[in-house]
PDB file of N, CA and C in Angstrom:
ATOM      1  N   MET A   1      95.934 128.916 122.707  1.00  0.00           N
ATOM      2  CA  MET A   1      94.573 129.272 123.037  1.00  0.00           C
ATOM      3  C   MET A   1      94.147 128.533 124.311  1.00  0.00           C
ATOM      4  N   LEU A   2      93.585 129.238 125.238  1.00  0.00           N
ATOM      5  CA  LEU A   2      93.141 128.652 126.495  1.00  0.00           C
ATOM      6  C   LEU A   2      91.760 128.044 126.314  1.00  0.00           C
ATOM      7  N   LYS A   3      91.558 126.878 126.918  1.00  0.00           N
ATOM      8  CA  LYS A   3      90.312 126.135 126.724  1.00  0.00           C
ATOM      9  C   LYS A   3      89.643 125.864 128.061  1.00  0.00           C
ATOM     10  N   ILE A   4      88.330 125.999 128.078  1.00  0.00           N
ATOM     11  CA  ILE A   4      87.510 125.608 129.228  1.00  0.00           C
ATOM     12  C   ILE A   4      86.726 124.372 128.813  1.00  0.00           C
ATOM     13  N   THR A   5      86.729 123.355 129.658  1.00  0.00           N
ATOM     14  CA  THR A   5      85.986 122.129 129.384  1.00  0.00           C
ATOM     15  C   THR A   5      84.916 121.954 130.443  1.00  0.00           C
ATOM     16  N   ASN A   6      83.690 121.735 130.008  1.00  0.00           N
ATOM     17  CA  ASN A   6      82.587 121.501 130.921  1.00  0.00           C
ATOM     18  C   ASN A   6      82.304 119.998 130.940  1.00  0.00           C
ATOM     19  N   LEU A   7      82.505 119.359 132.099  1.00  0.00           N
ATOM     20  CA  LEU A   7      82.330 117.903 132.187  1.00  0.00           C
ATOM     21  C   LEU A   7      80.922 117.467 131.806  1.00  0.00           C
ATOM     22  N   LYS A   8      79.913 118.185 132.253  1.00  0.00           N
ATOM     23  CA  LYS A   8      78.530 117.823 131.904  1.00  0.00           C
ATOM     24  C   LYS A   8      78.356 117.790 130.390  1.00  0.00           C
ATOM     25  N   ASP A   9      78.861 118.800 129.708  1.00  0.00           N
ATOM     26  CA  ASP A   9      78.762 118.828 128.249  1.00  0.00           C
ATOM     27  C   ASP A   9      79.516 117.657 127.624  1.00  0.00           C
ATOM     28  N   GLU A  10      80.654 117.309 128.196  1.00  0.00           N
ATOM     29  CA  GLU A  10      81.426 116.179 127.666  1.00  0.00           C
ATOM     30  C   GLU A  10      80.669 114.868 127.845  1.00  0.00           C
ATOM     31  N   PHE A  11      80.021 114.684 128.988  1.00  0.00           N
ATOM     32  CA  PHE A  11      79.228 113.464 129.193  1.00  0.00           C
ATOM     33  C   PHE A  11      78.049 113.406 128.235  1.00  0.00           C
ATOM     34  N   ASP A  12      77.489 114.562 127.876  1.00  0.00           N
ATOM     35  CA  ASP A  12      76.386 114.590 126.907  1.00  0.00           C
ATOM     36  C   ASP A  12      76.822 114.038 125.548  1.00  0.00           C
ATOM     37  N   GLN A  13      78.122 114.104 125.260  1.00  0.00           N
ATOM     38  CA  GLN A  13      78.652 113.613 123.988  1.00  0.00           C
ATOM     39  C   GLN A  13      78.913 112.104 123.977  1.00  0.00           C
ATOM     40  N   VAL A  14      78.906 111.480 125.148  1.00  0.00           N
ATOM     41  CA  VAL A  14      79.168 110.041 125.256  1.00  0.00           C
ATOM     42  C   VAL A  14      77.864 109.289 124.973  1.00  0.00           C
ATOM     43  N   VAL A  15      77.868 108.488 123.917  1.00  0.00           N
ATOM     44  CA  VAL A  15      76.642 107.776 123.543  1.00  0.00           C
ATOM     45  C   VAL A  15      76.725 106.274 123.792  1.00  0.00           C
ATOM     46  N   ASP A  16      77.909 105.708 123.813  1.00  0.00           N
ATOM     47  CA  ASP A  16      78.086 104.264 123.985  1.00  0.00           C
ATOM     48  C   ASP A  16      78.727 103.956 125.332  1.00  0.00           C
ATOM     49  N   TYR A  17      78.230 102.937 125.997  1.00  0.00           N
ATOM     50  CA  TYR A  17      78.837 102.492 127.236  1.00  0.00           C
ATOM     51  C   TYR A  17      80.216 101.894 126.956  1.00  0.00           C
ATOM     52  N   TRP A  18      81.117 102.060 127.910  1.00  0.00           N
ATOM     53  CA  TRP A  18      82.468 101.494 127.869  1.00  0.00           C
ATOM     54  C   TRP A  18      83.295 102.065 126.720  1.00  0.00           C
ATOM     55  N   SER A  19      82.952 103.267 126.277  1.00  0.00           N
ATOM     56  CA  SER A  19      83.668 103.909 125.177  1.00  0.00           C
ATOM     57  C   SER A  19      84.215 105.253 125.654  1.00  0.00           C
ATOM     58  N   PRO A  20      85.392 105.249 126.293  1.00  0.00           N
ATOM     59  CA  PRO A  20      85.926 106.488 126.855  1.00  0.00           C
ATOM     60  C   PRO A  20      86.236 107.527 125.777  1.00  0.00           C
ATOM     61  N   ARG A  21      86.089 108.798 126.172  1.00  0.00           N
ATOM     62  CA  ARG A  21      86.419 109.926 125.298  1.00  0.00           C
ATOM     63  C   ARG A  21      87.530 110.730 125.960  1.00  0.00           C
ATOM     64  N   ILE A  22      88.589 110.969 125.221  1.00  0.00           N
ATOM     65  CA  ILE A  22      89.675 111.808 125.719  1.00  0.00           C
ATOM     66  C   ILE A  22      89.220 113.258 125.614  1.00  0.00           C
ATOM     67  N   ILE A  23      89.247 113.964 126.759  1.00  0.00           N
ATOM     68  CA  ILE A  23      88.787 115.353 126.754  1.00  0.00           C
ATOM     69  C   ILE A  23      89.918 116.347 127.034  1.00  0.00           C
ATOM     70  N   ALA A  24      91.051 115.841 127.513  1.00  0.00           N
ATOM     71  CA  ALA A  24      92.184 116.727 127.783  1.00  0.00           C
ATOM     72  C   ALA A  24      93.448 115.890 127.928  1.00  0.00           C
ATOM     73  N   GLN A  25      94.584 116.571 127.807  1.00  0.00           N
ATOM     74  CA  GLN A  25      95.866 115.941 128.076  1.00  0.00           C
ATOM     75  C   GLN A  25      96.644 116.853 129.009  1.00  0.00           C
ATOM     76  N   VAL A  26      97.170 116.264 130.089  1.00  0.00           N
ATOM     77  CA  VAL A  26      98.013 116.971 131.043  1.00  0.00           C
ATOM     78  C   VAL A  26      99.351 116.248 131.042  1.00  0.00           C
ATOM     79  N   ASN A  27     100.341 116.876 130.448  1.00  0.00           N
ATOM     80  CA  ASN A  27     101.647 116.250 130.282  1.00  0.00           C
ATOM     81  C   ASN A  27     101.480 114.900 129.592  1.00  0.00           C
ATOM     82  N   ASP A  28     101.882 113.808 130.217  1.00  0.00           N
ATOM     83  CA  ASP A  28     101.746 112.497 129.564  1.00  0.00           C
ATOM     84  C   ASP A  28     100.531 111.721 130.075  1.00  0.00           C
ATOM     85  N   GLN A  29      99.520 112.446 130.564  1.00  0.00           N
ATOM     86  CA  GLN A  29      98.294 111.825 131.062  1.00  0.00           C
ATOM     87  C   GLN A  29      97.095 112.287 130.247  1.00  0.00           C
ATOM     88  N   TYR A  30      96.200 111.357 129.920  1.00  0.00           N
ATOM     89  CA  TYR A  30      94.924 111.706 129.321  1.00  0.00           C
ATOM     90  C   TYR A  30      93.876 111.819 130.416  1.00  0.00           C
ATOM     91  N   VAL A  31      92.971 112.766 130.269  1.00  0.00           N
ATOM     92  CA  VAL A  31      91.770 112.854 131.083  1.00  0.00           C
ATOM     93  C   VAL A  31      90.638 112.377 130.174  1.00  0.00           C
ATOM     94  N   LYS A  32      89.889 111.384 130.644  1.00  0.00           N
ATOM     95  CA  LYS A  32      88.829 110.779 129.833  1.00  0.00           C
ATOM     96  C   LYS A  32      87.519 110.786 130.613  1.00  0.00           C
ATOM     97  N   VAL A  33      86.412 110.751 129.881  1.00  0.00           N
ATOM     98  CA  VAL A  33      85.100 110.544 130.487  1.00  0.00           C
ATOM     99  C   VAL A  33      84.477 109.326 129.823  1.00  0.00           C
ATOM    100  N   ALA A  34      83.650 108.624 130.577  1.00  0.00           N
ATOM    101  CA  ALA A  34      82.981 107.443 130.036  1.00  0.00           C
ATOM    102  C   ALA A  34      81.700 107.196 130.810  1.00  0.00           C
ATOM    103  N   LYS A  35      80.756 106.583 130.125  1.00  0.00           N
ATOM    104  CA  LYS A  35      79.549 106.076 130.764  1.00  0.00           C
ATOM    105  C   LYS A  35      79.659 104.558 130.777  1.00  0.00           C
ATOM    106  N   LEU A  36      79.342 103.964 131.911  1.00  0.00           N
ATOM    107  CA  LEU A  36      79.470 102.524 132.074  1.00  0.00           C
ATOM    108  C   LEU A  36      78.134 101.933 132.472  1.00  0.00           C
ATOM    109  N   LYS A  37      77.871 100.738 131.992  1.00  0.00           N
ATOM    110  CA  LYS A  37      76.705  99.981 132.434  1.00  0.00           C
ATOM    111  C   LYS A  37      76.922  98.531 132.044  1.00  0.00           C
ATOM    112  N   GLY A  38      76.656  97.630 132.994  1.00  0.00           N
ATOM    113  CA  GLY A  38      76.846  96.208 132.738  1.00  0.00           C
ATOM    114  C   GLY A  38      78.259  95.770 133.053  1.00  0.00           C
ATOM    115  N   GLU A  39      78.622  94.657 132.447  1.00  0.00           N
ATOM    116  CA  GLU A  39      79.938  94.047 132.689  1.00  0.00           C
ATOM    117  C   GLU A  39      80.947  94.544 131.666  1.00  0.00           C
ATOM    118  N   PHE A  40      82.210  94.586 132.047  1.00  0.00           N
ATOM    119  CA  PHE A  40      83.294  94.909 131.120  1.00  0.00           C
ATOM    120  C   PHE A  40      84.088  93.644 130.859  1.00  0.00           C
ATOM    121  N   THR A  41      85.361  93.647 131.116  1.00  0.00           N
ATOM    122  CA  THR A  41      86.187  92.453 130.929  1.00  0.00           C
ATOM    123  C   THR A  41      87.368  92.488 131.894  1.00  0.00           C
ATOM    124  N   TRP A  42      87.763  91.323 132.358  1.00  0.00           N
ATOM    125  CA  TRP A  42      88.956  91.228 133.189  1.00  0.00           C
ATOM    126  C   TRP A  42      90.157  91.634 132.352  1.00  0.00           C
ATOM    127  N   HIS A  43      90.990  92.515 132.894  1.00  0.00           N
ATOM    128  CA  HIS A  43      92.183  92.960 132.185  1.00  0.00           C
ATOM    129  C   HIS A  43      93.146  93.604 133.181  1.00  0.00           C
ATOM    130  N   GLN A  44      94.315  93.917 132.688  1.00  0.00           N
ATOM    131  CA  GLN A  44      95.308  94.621 133.501  1.00  0.00           C
ATOM    132  C   GLN A  44      96.116  95.537 132.598  1.00  0.00           C
ATOM    133  N   HIS A  45      96.745  96.514 133.213  1.00  0.00           N
ATOM    134  CA  HIS A  45      97.645  97.420 132.511  1.00  0.00           C
ATOM    135  C   HIS A  45      99.018  97.191 133.135  1.00  0.00           C
ATOM    136  N   GLU A  46      99.880  96.516 132.408  1.00  0.00           N
ATOM    137  CA  GLU A  46     101.175  96.078 132.951  1.00  0.00           C
ATOM    138  C   GLU A  46     102.009  97.206 133.535  1.00  0.00           C
ATOM    139  N   ASP A  47     102.036  98.359 132.855  1.00  0.00           N
ATOM    140  CA  ASP A  47     102.977  99.407 133.245  1.00  0.00           C
ATOM    141  C   ASP A  47     102.329 100.707 133.698  1.00  0.00           C
ATOM    142  N   GLU A  48     100.998 100.740 133.798  1.00  0.00           N
ATOM    143  CA  GLU A  48     100.328 101.990 134.113  1.00  0.00           C
ATOM    144  C   GLU A  48      99.280 101.824 135.214  1.00  0.00           C
ATOM    145  N   ASP A  49      99.267 102.773 136.145  1.00  0.00           N
ATOM    146  CA  ASP A  49      98.166 102.881 137.098  1.00  0.00           C
ATOM    147  C   ASP A  49      96.986 103.506 136.356  1.00  0.00           C
ATOM    148  N   GLU A  50      95.788 103.353 136.926  1.00  0.00           N
ATOM    149  CA  GLU A  50      94.575 103.884 136.299  1.00  0.00           C
ATOM    150  C   GLU A  50      93.705 104.509 137.387  1.00  0.00           C
ATOM    151  N   LEU A  51      93.384 105.800 137.254  1.00  0.00           N
ATOM    152  CA  LEU A  51      92.585 106.488 138.249  1.00  0.00           C
ATOM    153  C   LEU A  51      91.131 106.563 137.792  1.00  0.00           C
ATOM    154  N   PHE A  52      90.217 106.110 138.646  1.00  0.00           N
ATOM    155  CA  PHE A  52      88.772 106.192 138.417  1.00  0.00           C
ATOM    156  C   PHE A  52      88.189 107.218 139.383  1.00  0.00           C
ATOM    157  N   TYR A  53      87.374 108.137 138.883  1.00  0.00           N
ATOM    158  CA  TYR A  53      86.625 109.072 139.719  1.00  0.00           C
ATOM    159  C   TYR A  53      85.162 108.957 139.308  1.00  0.00           C
ATOM    160  N   VAL A  54      84.291 108.619 140.262  1.00  0.00           N
ATOM    161  CA  VAL A  54      82.875 108.437 139.963  1.00  0.00           C
ATOM    162  C   VAL A  54      82.167 109.788 140.052  1.00  0.00           C
ATOM    163  N   VAL A  55      81.661 110.233 138.924  1.00  0.00           N
ATOM    164  CA  VAL A  55      80.941 111.505 138.842  1.00  0.00           C
ATOM    165  C   VAL A  55      79.472 111.308 139.185  1.00  0.00           C
ATOM    166  N   GLN A  56      78.909 110.203 138.714  1.00  0.00           N
ATOM    167  CA  GLN A  56      77.492 109.909 138.962  1.00  0.00           C
ATOM    168  C   GLN A  56      77.306 108.393 138.978  1.00  0.00           C
ATOM    169  N   GLY A  57      76.503 107.904 139.909  1.00  0.00           N
ATOM    170  CA  GLY A  57      76.203 106.471 139.955  1.00  0.00           C
ATOM    171  C   GLY A  57      77.119 105.716 140.883  1.00  0.00           C
ATOM    172  N   GLU A  58      77.241 104.417 140.615  1.00  0.00           N
ATOM    173  CA  GLU A  58      78.024 103.521 141.456  1.00  0.00           C
ATOM    174  C   GLU A  58      78.796 102.543 140.580  1.00  0.00           C
ATOM    175  N   LEU A  59      80.036 102.285 140.948  1.00  0.00           N
ATOM    176  CA  LEU A  59      80.931 101.422 140.182  1.00  0.00           C
ATOM    177  C   LEU A  59      81.510 100.345 141.083  1.00  0.00           C
ATOM    178  N   LEU A  60      81.501  99.112 140.592  1.00  0.00           N
ATOM    179  CA  LEU A  60      82.202  98.023 141.269  1.00  0.00           C
ATOM    180  C   LEU A  60      83.490  97.747 140.513  1.00  0.00           C
ATOM    181  N   ILE A  61      84.558  97.518 141.230  1.00  0.00           N
ATOM    182  CA  ILE A  61      85.799  97.058 140.608  1.00  0.00           C
ATOM    183  C   ILE A  61      86.168  95.760 141.307  1.00  0.00           C
ATOM    184  N   GLU A  62      86.098  94.677 140.535  1.00  0.00           N
ATOM    185  CA  GLU A  62      86.464  93.363 141.059  1.00  0.00           C
ATOM    186  C   GLU A  62      87.966  93.168 140.917  1.00  0.00           C
ATOM    187  N   TYR A  63      88.555  92.654 141.960  1.00  0.00           N
ATOM    188  CA  TYR A  63      89.933  92.190 141.947  1.00  0.00           C
ATOM    189  C   TYR A  63      89.877  90.689 142.189  1.00  0.00           C
ATOM    190  N   GLU A  64      90.982  90.011 142.053  1.00  0.00           N
ATOM    191  CA  GLU A  64      90.982  88.563 142.222  1.00  0.00           C
ATOM    192  C   GLU A  64      90.561  88.138 143.624  1.00  0.00           C
ATOM    193  N   ASN A  65      90.864  88.957 144.649  1.00  0.00           N
ATOM    194  CA  ASN A  65      90.566  88.572 146.026  1.00  0.00           C
ATOM    195  C   ASN A  65      89.560  89.459 146.740  1.00  0.00           C
ATOM    196  N   GLU A  66      89.081  90.507 146.086  1.00  0.00           N
ATOM    197  CA  GLU A  66      88.098  91.378 146.713  1.00  0.00           C
ATOM    198  C   GLU A  66      87.410  92.243 145.666  1.00  0.00           C
ATOM    199  N   THR A  67      86.307  92.840 146.072  1.00  0.00           N
ATOM    200  CA  THR A  67      85.561  93.764 145.222  1.00  0.00           C
ATOM    201  C   THR A  67      85.386  95.062 145.983  1.00  0.00           C
ATOM    202  N   ILE A  68      85.642  96.183 145.308  1.00  0.00           N
ATOM    203  CA  ILE A  68      85.404  97.465 145.955  1.00  0.00           C
ATOM    204  C   ILE A  68      84.215  98.144 145.288  1.00  0.00           C
ATOM    205  N   ARG A  69      83.493  98.916 146.074  1.00  0.00           N
ATOM    206  CA  ARG A  69      82.313  99.639 145.599  1.00  0.00           C
ATOM    207  C   ARG A  69      82.612 101.132 145.706  1.00  0.00           C
ATOM    208  N   LEU A  70      82.520 101.819 144.567  1.00  0.00           N
ATOM    209  CA  LEU A  70      82.731 103.260 144.538  1.00  0.00           C
ATOM    210  C   LEU A  70      81.402 103.947 144.285  1.00  0.00           C
ATOM    211  N   LYS A  71      81.121 104.967 145.066  1.00  0.00           N
ATOM    212  CA  LYS A  71      79.892 105.732 144.872  1.00  0.00           C
ATOM    213  C   LYS A  71      80.260 107.135 144.396  1.00  0.00           C
ATOM    214  N   GLU A  72      79.256 107.915 144.073  1.00  0.00           N
ATOM    215  CA  GLU A  72      79.466 109.262 143.559  1.00  0.00           C
ATOM    216  C   GLU A  72      80.431 110.036 144.445  1.00  0.00           C
ATOM    217  N   GLY A  73      81.442 110.608 143.817  1.00  0.00           N
ATOM    218  CA  GLY A  73      82.452 111.384 144.534  1.00  0.00           C
ATOM    219  C   GLY A  73      83.670 110.585 144.953  1.00  0.00           C
ATOM    220  N   ASP A  74      83.612 109.243 144.858  1.00  0.00           N
ATOM    221  CA  ASP A  74      84.752 108.405 145.248  1.00  0.00           C
ATOM    222  C   ASP A  74      85.780 108.336 144.123  1.00  0.00           C
ATOM    223  N   MET A  75      87.027 108.193 144.541  1.00  0.00           N
ATOM    224  CA  MET A  75      88.145 108.054 143.613  1.00  0.00           C
ATOM    225  C   MET A  75      88.959 106.831 144.027  1.00  0.00           C
ATOM    226  N   HIS A  76      89.500 106.126 143.038  1.00  0.00           N
ATOM    227  CA  HIS A  76      90.278 104.921 143.323  1.00  0.00           C
ATOM    228  C   HIS A  76      91.335 104.748 142.244  1.00  0.00           C
ATOM    229  N   VAL A  77      92.524 104.330 142.646  1.00  0.00           N
ATOM    230  CA  VAL A  77      93.602 104.046 141.700  1.00  0.00           C
ATOM    231  C   VAL A  77      93.800 102.540 141.622  1.00  0.00           C
ATOM    232  N   VAL A  78      93.663 102.003 140.416  1.00  0.00           N
ATOM    233  CA  VAL A  78      93.967 100.595 140.161  1.00  0.00           C
ATOM    234  C   VAL A  78      95.470 100.520 139.907  1.00  0.00           C
ATOM    235  N   PRO A  79      96.202  99.787 140.740  1.00  0.00           N
ATOM    236  CA  PRO A  79      97.653  99.710 140.559  1.00  0.00           C
ATOM    237  C   PRO A  79      98.039  98.957 139.284  1.00  0.00           C
ATOM    238  N   LYS A  80      99.122  99.368 138.690  1.00  0.00           N
ATOM    239  CA  LYS A  80      99.601  98.701 137.480  1.00  0.00           C
ATOM    240  C   LYS A  80      99.847  97.219 137.742  1.00  0.00           C
ATOM    241  N   GLY A  81      99.580  96.425 136.714  1.00  0.00           N
ATOM    242  CA  GLY A  81      99.839  94.997 136.780  1.00  0.00           C
ATOM    243  C   GLY A  81      98.791  94.172 137.503  1.00  0.00           C
ATOM    244  N   ILE A  82      97.727  94.797 138.025  1.00  0.00           N
ATOM    245  CA  ILE A  82      96.715  94.087 138.809  1.00  0.00           C
ATOM    246  C   ILE A  82      95.493  93.789 137.936  1.00  0.00           C
ATOM    247  N   MET A  83      95.093  92.526 137.884  1.00  0.00           N
ATOM    248  CA  MET A  83      93.876  92.140 137.154  1.00  0.00           C
ATOM    249  C   MET A  83      92.670  92.777 137.833  1.00  0.00           C
ATOM    250  N   HIS A  84      91.785  93.349 137.016  1.00  0.00           N
ATOM    251  CA  HIS A  84      90.579  93.976 137.552  1.00  0.00           C
ATOM    252  C   HIS A  84      89.468  93.930 136.516  1.00  0.00           C
ATOM    253  N   ASN A  85      88.242  94.089 137.005  1.00  0.00           N
ATOM    254  CA  ASN A  85      87.071  94.059 136.132  1.00  0.00           C
ATOM    255  C   ASN A  85      86.037  95.040 136.661  1.00  0.00           C
ATOM    256  N   PRO A  86      85.898  96.205 136.001  1.00  0.00           N
ATOM    257  CA  PRO A  86      84.871  97.148 136.437  1.00  0.00           C
ATOM    258  C   PRO A  86      83.484  96.734 135.940  1.00  0.00           C
ATOM    259  N   SER A  87      82.457  97.072 136.720  1.00  0.00           N
ATOM    260  CA  SER A  87      81.079  96.816 136.304  1.00  0.00           C
ATOM    261  C   SER A  87      80.166  97.829 136.979  1.00  0.00           C
ATOM    262  N   ALA A  88      79.003  98.033 136.370  1.00  0.00           N
ATOM    263  CA  ALA A  88      78.015  98.963 136.925  1.00  0.00           C
ATOM    264  C   ALA A  88      76.627  98.408 136.646  1.00  0.00           C
ATOM    265  N   ALA A  89      75.848  98.179 137.687  1.00  0.00           N
ATOM    266  CA  ALA A  89      74.497  97.644 137.519  1.00  0.00           C
ATOM    267  C   ALA A  89      73.602  98.658 136.805  1.00  0.00           C
ATOM    268  N   GLU A  90      73.769  99.930 137.138  1.00  0.00           N
ATOM    269  CA  GLU A  90      73.025 101.024 136.515  1.00  0.00           C
ATOM    270  C   GLU A  90      74.029 101.968 135.868  1.00  0.00           C
ATOM    271  N   GLU A  91      73.555 102.866 135.025  1.00  0.00           N
ATOM    272  CA  GLU A  91      74.472 103.786 134.355  1.00  0.00           C
ATOM    273  C   GLU A  91      75.333 104.542 135.363  1.00  0.00           C
ATOM    274  N   CYS A  92      76.620 104.593 135.081  1.00  0.00           N
ATOM    275  CA  CYS A  92      77.607 105.240 135.933  1.00  0.00           C
ATOM    276  C   CYS A  92      78.473 106.134 135.053  1.00  0.00           C
ATOM    277  N   TRP A  93      78.728 107.350 135.510  1.00  0.00           N
ATOM    278  CA  TRP A  93      79.602 108.275 134.794  1.00  0.00           C
ATOM    279  C   TRP A  93      80.921 108.341 135.534  1.00  0.00           C
ATOM    280  N   ILE A  94      82.023 108.178 134.804  1.00  0.00           N
ATOM    281  CA  ILE A  94      83.337 108.248 135.434  1.00  0.00           C
ATOM    282  C   ILE A  94      84.261 109.178 134.655  1.00  0.00           C
ATOM    283  N   ALA A  95      85.209 109.721 135.389  1.00  0.00           N
ATOM    284  CA  ALA A  95      86.352 110.393 134.789  1.00  0.00           C
ATOM    285  C   ALA A  95      87.550 109.489 135.049  1.00  0.00           C
ATOM    286  N   LEU A  96      88.416 109.376 134.070  1.00  0.00           N
ATOM    287  CA  LEU A  96      89.610 108.543 134.167  1.00  0.00           C
ATOM    288  C   LEU A  96      90.842 109.401 133.934  1.00  0.00           C
ATOM    289  N   ILE A  97      91.905 109.086 134.628  1.00  0.00           N
ATOM    290  CA  ILE A  97      93.203 109.673 134.316  1.00  0.00           C
ATOM    291  C   ILE A  97      94.148 108.510 134.088  1.00  0.00           C
ATOM    292  N   GLU A  98      94.722 108.485 132.887  1.00  0.00           N
ATOM    293  CA  GLU A  98      95.606 107.385 132.478  1.00  0.00           C
ATOM    294  C   GLU A  98      96.755 107.955 131.663  1.00  0.00           C
ATOM    295  N   THR A  99      97.900 107.305 131.727  1.00  0.00           N
ATOM    296  CA  THR A  99      99.003 107.735 130.875  1.00  0.00           C
ATOM    297  C   THR A  99      98.627 107.504 129.412  1.00  0.00           C
ATOM    298  N   VAL A 100      99.266 108.243 128.536  1.00  0.00           N
ATOM    299  CA  VAL A 100      98.928 108.155 127.112  1.00  0.00           C
ATOM    300  C   VAL A 100      99.246 106.785 126.521  1.00  0.00           C
ATOM    301  N   THR A 101     100.039 105.992 127.212  1.00  0.00           N
ATOM    302  CA  THR A 101     100.392 104.659 126.721  1.00  0.00           C
ATOM    303  C   THR A 101      99.396 103.576 127.144  1.00  0.00           C
ATOM    304  N   THR A 102      98.413 103.922 127.993  1.00  0.00           N
ATOM    305  CA  THR A 102      97.479 102.932 128.519  1.00  0.00           C
ATOM    306  C   THR A 102      96.533 102.444 127.434  1.00  0.00           C
ATOM    307  N   LYS A 103      96.523 101.136 127.220  1.00  0.00           N
ATOM    308  CA  LYS A 103      95.585 100.536 126.275  1.00  0.00           C
ATOM    309  C   LYS A 103      94.272 100.273 126.996  1.00  0.00           C
ATOM    310  N   HIS A 104      93.174 100.518 126.321  1.00  0.00           N
ATOM    311  CA  HIS A 104      91.834 100.451 126.895  1.00  0.00           C
ATOM    312  C   HIS A 104      91.594  99.169 127.690  1.00  0.00           C
ATOM    313  N   THR A 105      91.883  98.031 127.106  1.00  0.00           N
ATOM    314  CA  THR A 105      91.671  96.749 127.786  1.00  0.00           C
ATOM    315  C   THR A 105      92.990  96.010 127.991  1.00  0.00           C
ATOM    316  N   GLY A 106      94.052  96.779 128.200  1.00  0.00           N
ATOM    317  CA  GLY A 106      95.360  96.170 128.416  1.00  0.00           C
ATOM    318  C   GLY A 106      95.769  95.332 127.222  1.00  0.00           C
ATOM    319  N   GLY A 107      96.280  94.140 127.472  1.00  0.00           N
ATOM    320  CA  GLY A 107      96.705  93.245 126.399  1.00  0.00           C
ATOM    321  C   GLY A 107      95.592  92.364 125.856  1.00  0.00           C
ATOM    322  N   ILE A 108      94.377  92.539 126.374  1.00  0.00           N
ATOM    323  CA  ILE A 108      93.240  91.725 125.949  1.00  0.00           C
ATOM    324  C   ILE A 108      92.422  92.527 124.934  1.00  0.00           C
ATOM    325  N   ILE A 109      92.075  91.908 123.821  1.00  0.00           N
ATOM    326  CA  ILE A 109      91.269  92.565 122.795  1.00  0.00           C
ATOM    327  C   ILE A 109      89.876  91.934 122.809  1.00  0.00           C
ATOM    328  N   THR A 110      88.844  92.796 122.964  1.00  0.00           N
ATOM    329  CA  THR A 110      87.458  92.335 122.939  1.00  0.00           C
ATOM    330  C   THR A 110      86.670  93.231 121.985  1.00  0.00           C
ATOM    331  N   GLU A 111      85.393  92.938 121.823  1.00  0.00           N
ATOM    332  CA  GLU A 111      84.527  93.791 121.000  1.00  0.00           C
ATOM    333  C   GLU A 111      84.407  95.189 121.603  1.00  0.00           C
ATOM    334  N   GLN A 112      84.638  95.327 122.893  1.00  0.00           N
ATOM    335  CA  GLN A 112      84.527  96.617 123.568  1.00  0.00           C
ATOM    336  C   GLN A 112      85.803  97.452 123.487  1.00  0.00           C
ATOM    337  N   THR A 113      86.917  96.863 123.073  1.00  0.00           N
ATOM    338  CA  THR A 113      88.192  97.558 123.051  1.00  0.00           C
ATOM    339  C   THR A 113      88.159  98.737 122.092  1.00  0.00           C
ATOM    340  N   LYS A 114      88.643  99.881 122.570  1.00  0.00           N
ATOM    341  CA  LYS A 114      88.731 101.097 121.763  1.00  0.00           C
ATOM    342  C   LYS A 114      90.192 101.511 121.636  1.00  0.00           C
ATOM    343  N   THR A 115      90.594 101.875 120.420  1.00  0.00           N
ATOM    344  CA  THR A 115      91.950 102.397 120.210  1.00  0.00           C
ATOM    345  C   THR A 115      92.021 103.822 120.731  1.00  0.00           C
ATOM    346  N   VAL A 116      93.218 104.341 120.876  1.00  0.00           N
ATOM    347  CA  VAL A 116      93.384 105.738 121.291  1.00  0.00           C
ATOM    348  C   VAL A 116      92.705 106.659 120.278  1.00  0.00           C
ATOM    349  N   GLU A 117      92.842 106.354 119.015  1.00  0.00           N
ATOM    350  CA  GLU A 117      92.214 107.164 117.974  1.00  0.00           C
ATOM    351  C   GLU A 117      90.700 107.206 118.140  1.00  0.00           C
ATOM    352  N   GLN A 118      90.094 106.083 118.501  1.00  0.00           N
ATOM    353  CA  GLN A 118      88.643 106.029 118.695  1.00  0.00           C
ATOM    354  C   GLN A 118      88.210 106.787 119.950  1.00  0.00           C
ATOM    355  N   GLN A 119      89.144 107.044 120.872  1.00  0.00           N
ATOM    356  CA  GLN A 119      88.812 107.732 122.108  1.00  0.00           C
ATOM    357  C   GLN A 119      88.941 109.251 122.014  1.00  0.00           C
ATOM    358  N   HIS A 120      89.581 109.745 120.971  1.00  0.00           N
ATOM    359  CA  HIS A 120      89.732 111.206 120.814  1.00  0.00           C
ATOM    360  C   HIS A 120      88.395 111.837 120.472  1.00  0.00           C
ATOM    361  N   THR A 121      88.140 112.983 121.060  1.00  0.00           N
ATOM    362  CA  THR A 121      86.885 113.705 120.808  1.00  0.00           C
ATOM    363  C   THR A 121      86.931 114.435 119.490  1.00  0.00           C
TER     364      THR A 121
END
């Protein structure tokens, strides 16, 4: 069965910040949507790159030696193995593309960590 996904409708389903929802799978990649606000946690994904696309708002991604600012329409890939910490002063909507093996907060477990099961719509 062929499926059409409307991103706006998917964002309407997101109620908690930092709680990504898996909305599609393309081969071994998940497509996720999330709403972000405030601070997250420093973490890394040892074996997986992570693609951020800002749909609405502004996102900061801190690295150990620099901080990048993404605005609406910007896309950025966090390279595997690199410590990073995303944050958003105001509500920010993002789409993520990650391999199915990517753990939400890498090897670090916090109150914000979501399992893959918790991310399925």
